Amino acid sequence: MPRSFSMTAPRLRVLVAFAVDPTVELCGADIANDIGLASGPLYVALHDLARVGWLESRWEDGDPKRLGRARRRFYRVTPEGLEQALAGLLQSHPAFRPRRA
């Protein structure tokens, strides 16, 4: 992982979208609908998470002319990405923080 990489809110929201069902592949539009994140921050987060190996991606099969639209890029969470999603949730949610006197 690059030294400058940190868990931002958009990155965590994207990872959590995959934590619901780690076996599913999602395209950007599906993720945007699931978590309500605008396309700018969404695609930056997807790129960053793929760069560090927490997501993997593939292009949809098919010719755009036959599909009648641009091909979609599908993303899937990696085991390390799922681990980071759960760790990020535990750190960010007050219910999981230990009480200190």
PDB file of N, CA and C in Angstrom:
ATOM      1  N   MET A   1       0.851  -1.183   0.000  1.00  0.00           N
ATOM      2  CA  MET A   1       0.000   0.000   0.000  1.00  0.00           C
ATOM      3  C   MET A   1       0.892   1.240   0.000  1.00  0.00           C
ATOM      4  N   PRO A   2       0.592   2.232  -0.836  1.00  0.00           N
ATOM      5  CA  PRO A   2       1.390   3.458  -0.848  1.00  0.00           C
ATOM      6  C   PRO A   2       1.338   4.169   0.496  1.00  0.00           C
ATOM      7  N   ARG A   3       2.416   4.844   0.841  1.00  0.00           N
ATOM      8  CA  ARG A   3       2.490   5.529   2.135  1.00  0.00           C
ATOM      9  C   ARG A   3       1.409   6.588   2.293  1.00  0.00           C
ATOM     10  N   SER A   4       1.042   7.249   1.206  1.00  0.00           N
ATOM     11  CA  SER A   4       0.079   8.343   1.299  1.00  0.00           C
ATOM     12  C   SER A   4      -1.378   7.878   1.289  1.00  0.00           C
ATOM     13  N   PHE A   5      -1.600   6.571   1.216  1.00  0.00           N
ATOM     14  CA  PHE A   5      -2.967   6.061   1.132  1.00  0.00           C
ATOM     15  C   PHE A   5      -3.614   6.056   2.519  1.00  0.00           C
ATOM     16  N   SER A   6      -4.788   6.637   2.603  1.00  0.00           N
ATOM     17  CA  SER A   6      -5.538   6.618   3.863  1.00  0.00           C
ATOM     18  C   SER A   6      -6.992   6.280   3.557  1.00  0.00           C
ATOM     19  N   MET A   7      -7.679   5.820   4.567  1.00  0.00           N
ATOM     20  CA  MET A   7      -9.081   5.449   4.391  1.00  0.00           C
ATOM     21  C   MET A   7      -9.927   6.710   4.503  1.00  0.00           C
ATOM     22  N   THR A   8     -10.425   7.161   3.370  1.00  0.00           N
ATOM     23  CA  THR A   8     -11.318   8.318   3.351  1.00  0.00           C
ATOM     24  C   THR A   8     -12.759   7.824   3.427  1.00  0.00           C
ATOM     25  N   ALA A   9     -13.669   8.723   3.693  1.00  0.00           N
ATOM     26  CA  ALA A   9     -15.084   8.353   3.765  1.00  0.00           C
ATOM     27  C   ALA A   9     -15.587   7.770   2.440  1.00  0.00           C
ATOM     28  N   PRO A  10     -15.287   8.375   1.276  1.00  0.00           N
ATOM     29  CA  PRO A  10     -15.753   7.768   0.026  1.00  0.00           C
ATOM     30  C   PRO A  10     -15.164   6.374  -0.207  1.00  0.00           C
ATOM     31  N   ARG A  11     -13.880   6.180   0.098  1.00  0.00           N
ATOM     32  CA  ARG A  11     -13.263   4.864  -0.078  1.00  0.00           C
ATOM     33  C   ARG A  11     -13.934   3.830   0.815  1.00  0.00           C
ATOM     34  N   LEU A  12     -14.202   4.203   2.053  1.00  0.00           N
ATOM     35  CA  LEU A  12     -14.856   3.272   2.976  1.00  0.00           C
ATOM     36  C   LEU A  12     -16.268   2.960   2.504  1.00  0.00           C
ATOM     37  N   ARG A  13     -16.999   3.968   2.047  1.00  0.00           N
ATOM     38  CA  ARG A  13     -18.365   3.728   1.562  1.00  0.00           C
ATOM     39  C   ARG A  13     -18.379   2.769   0.387  1.00  0.00           C
ATOM     40  N   VAL A  14     -17.415   2.905  -0.520  1.00  0.00           N
ATOM     41  CA  VAL A  14     -17.324   1.991  -1.664  1.00  0.00           C
ATOM     42  C   VAL A  14     -17.037   0.576  -1.181  1.00  0.00           C
ATOM     43  N   LEU A  15     -16.064   0.418  -0.295  1.00  0.00           N
ATOM     44  CA  LEU A  15     -15.739  -0.916   0.212  1.00  0.00           C
ATOM     45  C   LEU A  15     -16.917  -1.554   0.936  1.00  0.00           C
ATOM     46  N   VAL A  16     -17.644  -0.769   1.699  1.00  0.00           N
ATOM     47  CA  VAL A  16     -18.792  -1.299   2.441  1.00  0.00           C
ATOM     48  C   VAL A  16     -19.879  -1.779   1.472  1.00  0.00           C
ATOM     49  N   ALA A  17     -20.015  -1.125   0.323  1.00  0.00           N
ATOM     50  CA  ALA A  17     -20.991  -1.581  -0.680  1.00  0.00           C
ATOM     51  C   ALA A  17     -20.689  -3.012  -1.101  1.00  0.00           C
ATOM     52  N   PHE A  18     -19.421  -3.373  -1.142  1.00  0.00           N
ATOM     53  CA  PHE A  18     -19.032  -4.735  -1.510  1.00  0.00           C
ATOM     54  C   PHE A  18     -19.115  -5.695  -0.329  1.00  0.00           C
ATOM     55  N   ALA A  19     -19.006  -5.203   0.879  1.00  0.00           N
ATOM     56  CA  ALA A  19     -19.023  -6.059   2.069  1.00  0.00           C
ATOM     57  C   ALA A  19     -20.380  -6.736   2.257  1.00  0.00           C
ATOM     58  N   VAL A  20     -21.425  -6.158   1.735  1.00  0.00           N
ATOM     59  CA  VAL A  20     -22.761  -6.743   1.833  1.00  0.00           C
ATOM     60  C   VAL A  20     -22.777  -8.135   1.199  1.00  0.00           C
ATOM     61  N   ASP A  21     -22.137  -8.265   0.035  1.00  0.00           N
ATOM     62  CA  ASP A  21     -21.999  -9.564  -0.634  1.00  0.00           C
ATOM     63  C   ASP A  21     -20.671  -9.553  -1.389  1.00  0.00           C
ATOM     64  N   PRO A  22     -19.605 -10.037  -0.767  1.00  0.00           N
ATOM     65  CA  PRO A  22     -18.275  -9.964  -1.378  1.00  0.00           C
ATOM     66  C   PRO A  22     -18.114 -10.766  -2.672  1.00  0.00           C
ATOM     67  N   THR A  23     -19.087 -11.586  -3.024  1.00  0.00           N
ATOM     68  CA  THR A  23     -18.964 -12.387  -4.246  1.00  0.00           C
ATOM     69  C   THR A  23     -19.507 -11.672  -5.475  1.00  0.00           C
ATOM     70  N   VAL A  24     -20.191 -10.565  -5.284  1.00  0.00           N
ATOM     71  CA  VAL A  24     -20.860  -9.887  -6.388  1.00  0.00           C
ATOM     72  C   VAL A  24     -19.895  -8.932  -7.105  1.00  0.00           C
ATOM     73  N   GLU A  25     -20.115  -8.777  -8.398  1.00  0.00           N
ATOM     74  CA  GLU A  25     -19.424  -7.760  -9.190  1.00  0.00           C
ATOM     75  C   GLU A  25     -20.388  -6.598  -9.376  1.00  0.00           C
ATOM     76  N   LEU A  26     -19.881  -5.400  -9.218  1.00  0.00           N
ATOM     77  CA  LEU A  26     -20.713  -4.206  -9.370  1.00  0.00           C
ATOM     78  C   LEU A  26     -20.062  -3.243 -10.344  1.00  0.00           C
ATOM     79  N   CYS A  27     -20.890  -2.556 -11.126  1.00  0.00           N
ATOM     80  CA  CYS A  27     -20.373  -1.485 -11.977  1.00  0.00           C
ATOM     81  C   CYS A  27     -20.561  -0.165 -11.224  1.00  0.00           C
ATOM     82  N   GLY A  28     -19.939   0.869 -11.727  1.00  0.00           N
ATOM     83  CA  GLY A  28     -19.991   2.164 -11.050  1.00  0.00           C
ATOM     84  C   GLY A  28     -21.407   2.660 -10.808  1.00  0.00           C
ATOM     85  N   ALA A  29     -22.295   2.487 -11.793  1.00  0.00           N
ATOM     86  CA  ALA A  29     -23.682   2.949 -11.634  1.00  0.00           C
ATOM     87  C   ALA A  29     -24.385   2.208 -10.499  1.00  0.00           C
ATOM     88  N   ASP A  30     -24.130   0.900 -10.376  1.00  0.00           N
ATOM     89  CA  ASP A  30     -24.733   0.131  -9.277  1.00  0.00           C
ATOM     90  C   ASP A  30     -24.252   0.646  -7.926  1.00  0.00           C
ATOM     91  N   ILE A  31     -22.956   0.912  -7.837  1.00  0.00           N
ATOM     92  CA  ILE A  31     -22.383   1.390  -6.572  1.00  0.00           C
ATOM     93  C   ILE A  31     -22.937   2.768  -6.243  1.00  0.00           C
ATOM     94  N   ALA A  32     -22.988   3.651  -7.242  1.00  0.00           N
ATOM     95  CA  ALA A  32     -23.517   4.999  -7.024  1.00  0.00           C
ATOM     96  C   ALA A  32     -24.945   4.936  -6.500  1.00  0.00           C
ATOM     97  N   ASN A  33     -25.763   4.057  -7.072  1.00  0.00           N
ATOM     98  CA  ASN A  33     -27.144   3.906  -6.606  1.00  0.00           C
ATOM     99  C   ASN A  33     -27.203   3.338  -5.189  1.00  0.00           C
ATOM    100  N   ASP A  34     -26.314   2.402  -4.884  1.00  0.00           N
ATOM    101  CA  ASP A  34     -26.311   1.770  -3.558  1.00  0.00           C
ATOM    102  C   ASP A  34     -25.912   2.733  -2.453  1.00  0.00           C
ATOM    103  N   ILE A  35     -24.893   3.561  -2.714  1.00  0.00           N
ATOM    104  CA  ILE A  35     -24.349   4.383  -1.624  1.00  0.00           C
ATOM    105  C   ILE A  35     -24.594   5.870  -1.803  1.00  0.00           C
ATOM    106  N   GLY A  36     -25.171   6.282  -2.932  1.00  0.00           N
ATOM    107  CA  GLY A  36     -25.504   7.684  -3.128  1.00  0.00           C
ATOM    108  C   GLY A  36     -24.294   8.591  -3.229  1.00  0.00           C
ATOM    109  N   LEU A  37     -23.249   8.125  -3.874  1.00  0.00           N
ATOM    110  CA  LEU A  37     -22.033   8.924  -4.034  1.00  0.00           C
ATOM    111  C   LEU A  37     -21.971   9.425  -5.474  1.00  0.00           C
ATOM    112  N   ALA A  38     -21.653  10.702  -5.639  1.00  0.00           N
ATOM    113  CA  ALA A  38     -21.552  11.294  -6.976  1.00  0.00           C
ATOM    114  C   ALA A  38     -20.435  10.627  -7.767  1.00  0.00           C
ATOM    115  N   SER A  39     -20.537  10.696  -9.092  1.00  0.00           N
ATOM    116  CA  SER A  39     -19.595   9.972  -9.944  1.00  0.00           C
ATOM    117  C   SER A  39     -18.150  10.427  -9.780  1.00  0.00           C
ATOM    118  N   GLY A  40     -17.901  11.701  -9.556  1.00  0.00           N
ATOM    119  CA  GLY A  40     -16.518  12.181  -9.387  1.00  0.00           C
ATOM    120  C   GLY A  40     -15.793  11.477  -8.256  1.00  0.00           C
ATOM    121  N   PRO A  41     -16.272  11.631  -7.013  1.00  0.00           N
ATOM    122  CA  PRO A  41     -15.605  10.953  -5.901  1.00  0.00           C
ATOM    123  C   PRO A  41     -15.675   9.433  -5.992  1.00  0.00           C
ATOM    124  N   LEU A  42     -16.745   8.920  -6.603  1.00  0.00           N
ATOM    125  CA  LEU A  42     -16.886   7.469  -6.731  1.00  0.00           C
ATOM    126  C   LEU A  42     -15.768   6.886  -7.582  1.00  0.00           C
ATOM    127  N   TYR A  43     -15.553   7.451  -8.764  1.00  0.00           N
ATOM    128  CA  TYR A  43     -14.556   6.875  -9.661  1.00  0.00           C
ATOM    129  C   TYR A  43     -13.127   7.119  -9.181  1.00  0.00           C
ATOM    130  N   VAL A  44     -12.900   8.201  -8.464  1.00  0.00           N
ATOM    131  CA  VAL A  44     -11.587   8.404  -7.832  1.00  0.00           C
ATOM    132  C   VAL A  44     -11.362   7.308  -6.788  1.00  0.00           C
ATOM    133  N   ALA A  45     -12.370   7.034  -5.962  1.00  0.00           N
ATOM    134  CA  ALA A  45     -12.257   5.990  -4.938  1.00  0.00           C
ATOM    135  C   ALA A  45     -12.058   4.615  -5.577  1.00  0.00           C
ATOM    136  N   LEU A  46     -12.813   4.305  -6.628  1.00  0.00           N
ATOM    137  CA  LEU A  46     -12.658   3.017  -7.306  1.00  0.00           C
ATOM    138  C   LEU A  46     -11.242   2.857  -7.858  1.00  0.00           C
ATOM    139  N   HIS A  47     -10.742   3.897  -8.484  1.00  0.00           N
ATOM    140  CA  HIS A  47      -9.382   3.853  -9.033  1.00  0.00           C
ATOM    141  C   HIS A  47      -8.355   3.642  -7.918  1.00  0.00           C
ATOM    142  N   ASP A  48      -8.485   4.402  -6.838  1.00  0.00           N
ATOM    143  CA  ASP A  48      -7.539   4.300  -5.725  1.00  0.00           C
ATOM    144  C   ASP A  48      -7.567   2.917  -5.089  1.00  0.00           C
ATOM    145  N   LEU A  49      -8.770   2.378  -4.882  1.00  0.00           N
ATOM    146  CA  LEU A  49      -8.912   1.065  -4.243  1.00  0.00           C
ATOM    147  C   LEU A  49      -8.380  -0.045  -5.145  1.00  0.00           C
ATOM    148  N   ALA A  50      -8.547   0.097  -6.435  1.00  0.00           N
ATOM    149  CA  ALA A  50      -7.988  -0.894  -7.368  1.00  0.00           C
ATOM    150  C   ALA A  50      -6.459  -0.787  -7.399  1.00  0.00           C
ATOM    151  N   ARG A  51      -5.956   0.423  -7.324  1.00  0.00           N
ATOM    152  CA  ARG A  51      -4.501   0.649  -7.370  1.00  0.00           C
ATOM    153  C   ARG A  51      -3.790  -0.034  -6.216  1.00  0.00           C
ATOM    154  N   VAL A  52      -4.413  -0.056  -5.032  1.00  0.00           N
ATOM    155  CA  VAL A  52      -3.766  -0.688  -3.871  1.00  0.00           C
ATOM    156  C   VAL A  52      -4.142  -2.159  -3.724  1.00  0.00           C
ATOM    157  N   GLY A  53      -4.964  -2.672  -4.637  1.00  0.00           N
ATOM    158  CA  GLY A  53      -5.284  -4.096  -4.628  1.00  0.00           C
ATOM    159  C   GLY A  53      -6.472  -4.492  -3.775  1.00  0.00           C
ATOM    160  N   TRP A  54      -7.282  -3.543  -3.372  1.00  0.00           N
ATOM    161  CA  TRP A  54      -8.455  -3.859  -2.556  1.00  0.00           C
ATOM    162  C   TRP A  54      -9.681  -4.143  -3.418  1.00  0.00           C
ATOM    163  N   LEU A  55      -9.616  -3.745  -4.680  1.00  0.00           N
ATOM    164  CA  LEU A  55     -10.638  -4.085  -5.669  1.00  0.00           C
ATOM    165  C   LEU A  55      -9.922  -4.619  -6.896  1.00  0.00           C
ATOM    166  N   GLU A  56     -10.596  -5.513  -7.613  1.00  0.00           N
ATOM    167  CA  GLU A  56     -10.123  -5.918  -8.924  1.00  0.00           C
ATOM    168  C   GLU A  56     -11.237  -5.594  -9.902  1.00  0.00           C
ATOM    169  N   SER A  57     -10.867  -5.423 -11.168  1.00  0.00           N
ATOM    170  CA  SER A  57     -11.881  -5.015 -12.138  1.00  0.00           C
ATOM    171  C   SER A  57     -11.669  -5.720 -13.469  1.00  0.00           C
ATOM    172  N   ARG A  58     -12.727  -5.682 -14.266  1.00  0.00           N
ATOM    173  CA  ARG A  58     -12.686  -6.224 -15.621  1.00  0.00           C
ATOM    174  C   ARG A  58     -13.703  -5.468 -16.462  1.00  0.00           C
ATOM    175  N   TRP A  59     -13.420  -5.403 -17.749  1.00  0.00           N
ATOM    176  CA  TRP A  59     -14.372  -4.799 -18.673  1.00  0.00           C
ATOM    177  C   TRP A  59     -15.425  -5.814 -19.066  1.00  0.00           C
ATOM    178  N   GLU A  60     -16.633  -5.351 -19.216  1.00  0.00           N
ATOM    179  CA  GLU A  60     -17.737  -6.165 -19.699  1.00  0.00           C
ATOM    180  C   GLU A  60     -17.415  -6.676 -21.107  1.00  0.00           C
ATOM    181  N   ASP A  61     -17.790  -7.923 -21.367  1.00  0.00           N
ATOM    182  CA  ASP A  61     -17.634  -8.475 -22.708  1.00  0.00           C
ATOM    183  C   ASP A  61     -18.683  -7.859 -23.626  1.00  0.00           C
ATOM    184  N   GLY A  62     -18.338  -7.710 -24.858  1.00  0.00           N
ATOM    185  CA  GLY A  62     -19.321  -7.229 -25.827  1.00  0.00           C
ATOM    186  C   GLY A  62     -18.869  -5.994 -26.557  1.00  0.00           C
ATOM    187  N   ASP A  63     -19.410  -5.841 -27.723  1.00  0.00           N
ATOM    188  CA  ASP A  63     -19.131  -4.703 -28.578  1.00  0.00           C
ATOM    189  C   ASP A  63     -20.104  -3.578 -28.223  1.00  0.00           C
ATOM    190  N   PRO A  64     -19.596  -2.374 -27.943  1.00  0.00           N
ATOM    191  CA  PRO A  64     -20.495  -1.263 -27.600  1.00  0.00           C
ATOM    192  C   PRO A  64     -21.588  -1.019 -28.638  1.00  0.00           C
ATOM    193  N   LYS A  65     -21.284  -1.249 -29.905  1.00  0.00           N
ATOM    194  CA  LYS A  65     -22.304  -1.048 -30.944  1.00  0.00           C
ATOM    195  C   LYS A  65     -23.432  -2.063 -30.786  1.00  0.00           C
ATOM    196  N   ARG A  66     -23.087  -3.294 -30.471  1.00  0.00           N
ATOM    197  CA  ARG A  66     -24.123  -4.312 -30.252  1.00  0.00           C
ATOM    198  C   ARG A  66     -24.865  -4.087 -28.939  1.00  0.00           C
ATOM    199  N   LEU A  67     -24.129  -3.638 -27.927  1.00  0.00           N
ATOM    200  CA  LEU A  67     -24.764  -3.380 -26.628  1.00  0.00           C
ATOM    201  C   LEU A  67     -25.664  -2.148 -26.686  1.00  0.00           C
ATOM    202  N   GLY A  68     -25.354  -1.234 -27.596  1.00  0.00           N
ATOM    203  CA  GLY A  68     -26.123   0.006 -27.692  1.00  0.00           C
ATOM    204  C   GLY A  68     -25.746   1.007 -26.616  1.00  0.00           C
ATOM    205  N   ARG A  69     -24.576   0.812 -26.020  1.00  0.00           N
ATOM    206  CA  ARG A  69     -24.082   1.694 -24.952  1.00  0.00           C
ATOM    207  C   ARG A  69     -22.611   1.385 -24.753  1.00  0.00           C
ATOM    208  N   ALA A  70     -21.972   2.186 -23.953  1.00  0.00           N
ATOM    209  CA  ALA A  70     -20.566   1.935 -23.628  1.00  0.00           C
ATOM    210  C   ALA A  70     -20.451   0.667 -22.766  1.00  0.00           C
ATOM    211  N   ARG A  71     -19.331  -0.036 -22.917  1.00  0.00           N
ATOM    212  CA  ARG A  71     -19.100  -1.199 -22.056  1.00  0.00           C
ATOM    213  C   ARG A  71     -18.950  -0.731 -20.616  1.00  0.00           C
ATOM    214  N   ARG A  72     -19.323  -1.566 -19.698  1.00  0.00           N
ATOM    215  CA  ARG A  72     -19.203  -1.263 -18.269  1.00  0.00           C
ATOM    216  C   ARG A  72     -17.956  -1.922 -17.697  1.00  0.00           C
ATOM    217  N   ARG A  73     -17.411  -1.300 -16.686  1.00  0.00           N
ATOM    218  CA  ARG A  73     -16.296  -1.881 -15.949  1.00  0.00           C
ATOM    219  C   ARG A  73     -16.893  -2.432 -14.660  1.00  0.00           C
ATOM    220  N   PHE A  74     -16.636  -3.705 -14.382  1.00  0.00           N
ATOM    221  CA  PHE A  74     -17.148  -4.352 -13.183  1.00  0.00           C
ATOM    222  C   PHE A  74     -16.036  -4.503 -12.157  1.00  0.00           C
ATOM    223  N   TYR A  75     -16.393  -4.289 -10.909  1.00  0.00           N
ATOM    224  CA  TYR A  75     -15.446  -4.347  -9.798  1.00  0.00           C
ATOM    225  C   TYR A  75     -15.873  -5.441  -8.825  1.00  0.00           C
ATOM    226  N   ARG A  76     -14.873  -6.026  -8.180  1.00  0.00           N
ATOM    227  CA  ARG A  76     -15.099  -7.033  -7.149  1.00  0.00           C
ATOM    228  C   ARG A  76     -14.093  -6.775  -6.034  1.00  0.00           C
ATOM    229  N   VAL A  77     -14.525  -6.941  -4.805  1.00  0.00           N
ATOM    230  CA  VAL A  77     -13.638  -6.719  -3.666  1.00  0.00           C
ATOM    231  C   VAL A  77     -12.685  -7.910  -3.521  1.00  0.00           C
ATOM    232  N   THR A  78     -11.445  -7.626  -3.133  1.00  0.00           N
ATOM    233  CA  THR A  78     -10.478  -8.682  -2.861  1.00  0.00           C
ATOM    234  C   THR A  78     -10.566  -9.044  -1.380  1.00  0.00           C
ATOM    235  N   PRO A  79      -9.999 -10.167  -0.970  1.00  0.00           N
ATOM    236  CA  PRO A  79     -10.018 -10.504   0.462  1.00  0.00           C
ATOM    237  C   PRO A  79      -9.402  -9.402   1.326  1.00  0.00           C
ATOM    238  N   GLU A  80      -8.311  -8.803   0.861  1.00  0.00           N
ATOM    239  CA  GLU A  80      -7.707  -7.709   1.623  1.00  0.00           C
ATOM    240  C   GLU A  80      -8.634  -6.498   1.678  1.00  0.00           C
ATOM    241  N   GLY A  81      -9.329  -6.223   0.582  1.00  0.00           N
ATOM    242  CA  GLY A  81     -10.276  -5.112   0.562  1.00  0.00           C
ATOM    243  C   GLY A  81     -11.425  -5.329   1.529  1.00  0.00           C
ATOM    244  N   LEU A  82     -11.912  -6.556   1.601  1.00  0.00           N
ATOM    245  CA  LEU A  82     -12.981  -6.877   2.547  1.00  0.00           C
ATOM    246  C   LEU A  82     -12.493  -6.704   3.983  1.00  0.00           C
ATOM    247  N   GLU A  83     -11.287  -7.153   4.245  1.00  0.00           N
ATOM    248  CA  GLU A  83     -10.698  -6.973   5.579  1.00  0.00           C
ATOM    249  C   GLU A  83     -10.585  -5.491   5.930  1.00  0.00           C
ATOM    250  N   GLN A  84     -10.159  -4.681   4.969  1.00  0.00           N
ATOM    251  CA  GLN A  84     -10.036  -3.240   5.213  1.00  0.00           C
ATOM    252  C   GLN A  84     -11.404  -2.580   5.410  1.00  0.00           C
ATOM    253  N   ALA A  85     -12.421  -3.055   4.711  1.00  0.00           N
ATOM    254  CA  ALA A  85     -13.776  -2.517   4.882  1.00  0.00           C
ATOM    255  C   ALA A  85     -14.255  -2.758   6.303  1.00  0.00           C
ATOM    256  N   LEU A  86     -14.064  -3.988   6.785  1.00  0.00           N
ATOM    257  CA  LEU A  86     -14.513  -4.306   8.140  1.00  0.00           C
ATOM    258  C   LEU A  86     -13.700  -3.546   9.181  1.00  0.00           C
ATOM    259  N   ALA A  87     -12.395  -3.438   8.968  1.00  0.00           N
ATOM    260  CA  ALA A  87     -11.553  -2.679   9.904  1.00  0.00           C
ATOM    261  C   ALA A  87     -11.965  -1.211   9.919  1.00  0.00           C
ATOM    262  N   GLY A  88     -12.242  -0.653   8.737  1.00  0.00           N
ATOM    263  CA  GLY A  88     -12.670   0.743   8.663  1.00  0.00           C
ATOM    264  C   GLY A  88     -13.989   0.979   9.366  1.00  0.00           C
ATOM    265  N   LEU A  89     -14.915   0.039   9.234  1.00  0.00           N
ATOM    266  CA  LEU A  89     -16.197   0.162   9.925  1.00  0.00           C
ATOM    267  C   LEU A  89     -16.011   0.109  11.432  1.00  0.00           C
ATOM    268  N   LEU A  90     -15.191  -0.815  11.884  1.00  0.00           N
ATOM    269  CA  LEU A  90     -14.951  -0.941  13.319  1.00  0.00           C
ATOM    270  C   LEU A  90     -14.323   0.318  13.891  1.00  0.00           C
ATOM    271  N   GLN A  91     -13.423   0.930  13.151  1.00  0.00           N
ATOM    272  CA  GLN A  91     -12.759   2.140  13.631  1.00  0.00           C
ATOM    273  C   GLN A  91     -13.672   3.362  13.565  1.00  0.00           C
ATOM    274  N   SER A  92     -14.548   3.408  12.593  1.00  0.00           N
ATOM    275  CA  SER A  92     -15.344   4.616  12.388  1.00  0.00           C
ATOM    276  C   SER A  92     -16.668   4.639  13.132  1.00  0.00           C
ATOM    277  N   HIS A  93     -17.161   3.493  13.531  1.00  0.00           N
ATOM    278  CA  HIS A  93     -18.474   3.447  14.166  1.00  0.00           C
ATOM    279  C   HIS A  93     -18.335   3.490  15.687  1.00  0.00           C
ATOM    280  N   PRO A  94     -18.993   4.450  16.343  1.00  0.00           N
ATOM    281  CA  PRO A  94     -18.858   4.596  17.790  1.00  0.00           C
ATOM    282  C   PRO A  94     -19.283   3.362  18.590  1.00  0.00           C
ATOM    283  N   ALA A  95     -20.193   2.568  18.064  1.00  0.00           N
ATOM    284  CA  ALA A  95     -20.663   1.393  18.806  1.00  0.00           C
ATOM    285  C   ALA A  95     -19.548   0.368  19.013  1.00  0.00           C
ATOM    286  N   PHE A  96     -18.513   0.415  18.183  1.00  0.00           N
ATOM    287  CA  PHE A  96     -17.438  -0.559  18.275  1.00  0.00           C
ATOM    288  C   PHE A  96     -16.206  -0.022  18.992  1.00  0.00           C
ATOM    289  N   ARG A  97     -16.248   1.221  19.417  1.00  0.00           N
ATOM    290  CA  ARG A  97     -15.096   1.791  20.123  1.00  0.00           C
ATOM    291  C   ARG A  97     -15.163   1.447  21.600  1.00  0.00           C
ATOM    292  N   PRO A  98     -14.042   1.039  22.174  1.00  0.00           N
ATOM    293  CA  PRO A  98     -14.049   0.735  23.607  1.00  0.00           C
ATOM    294  C   PRO A  98     -14.248   2.007  24.426  1.00  0.00           C
ATOM    295  N   ARG A  99     -14.936   1.846  25.544  1.00  0.00           N
ATOM    296  CA  ARG A  99     -15.137   2.995  26.444  1.00  0.00           C
ATOM    297  C   ARG A  99     -13.895   3.160  27.296  1.00  0.00           C
ATOM    298  N   ARG A 100     -13.507   4.364  27.464  1.00  0.00           N
ATOM    299  CA  ARG A 100     -12.321   4.678  28.277  1.00  0.00           C
ATOM    300  C   ARG A 100     -12.781   5.540  29.436  1.00  0.00           C
ATOM    301  N   ALA A 101     -12.229   5.286  30.580  1.00  0.00           N
ATOM    302  CA  ALA A 101     -12.609   6.057  31.783  1.00  0.00           C
ATOM    303  C   ALA A 101     -11.893   7.378  31.840  1.00  0.00           C
TER     304      ALA A 101
END
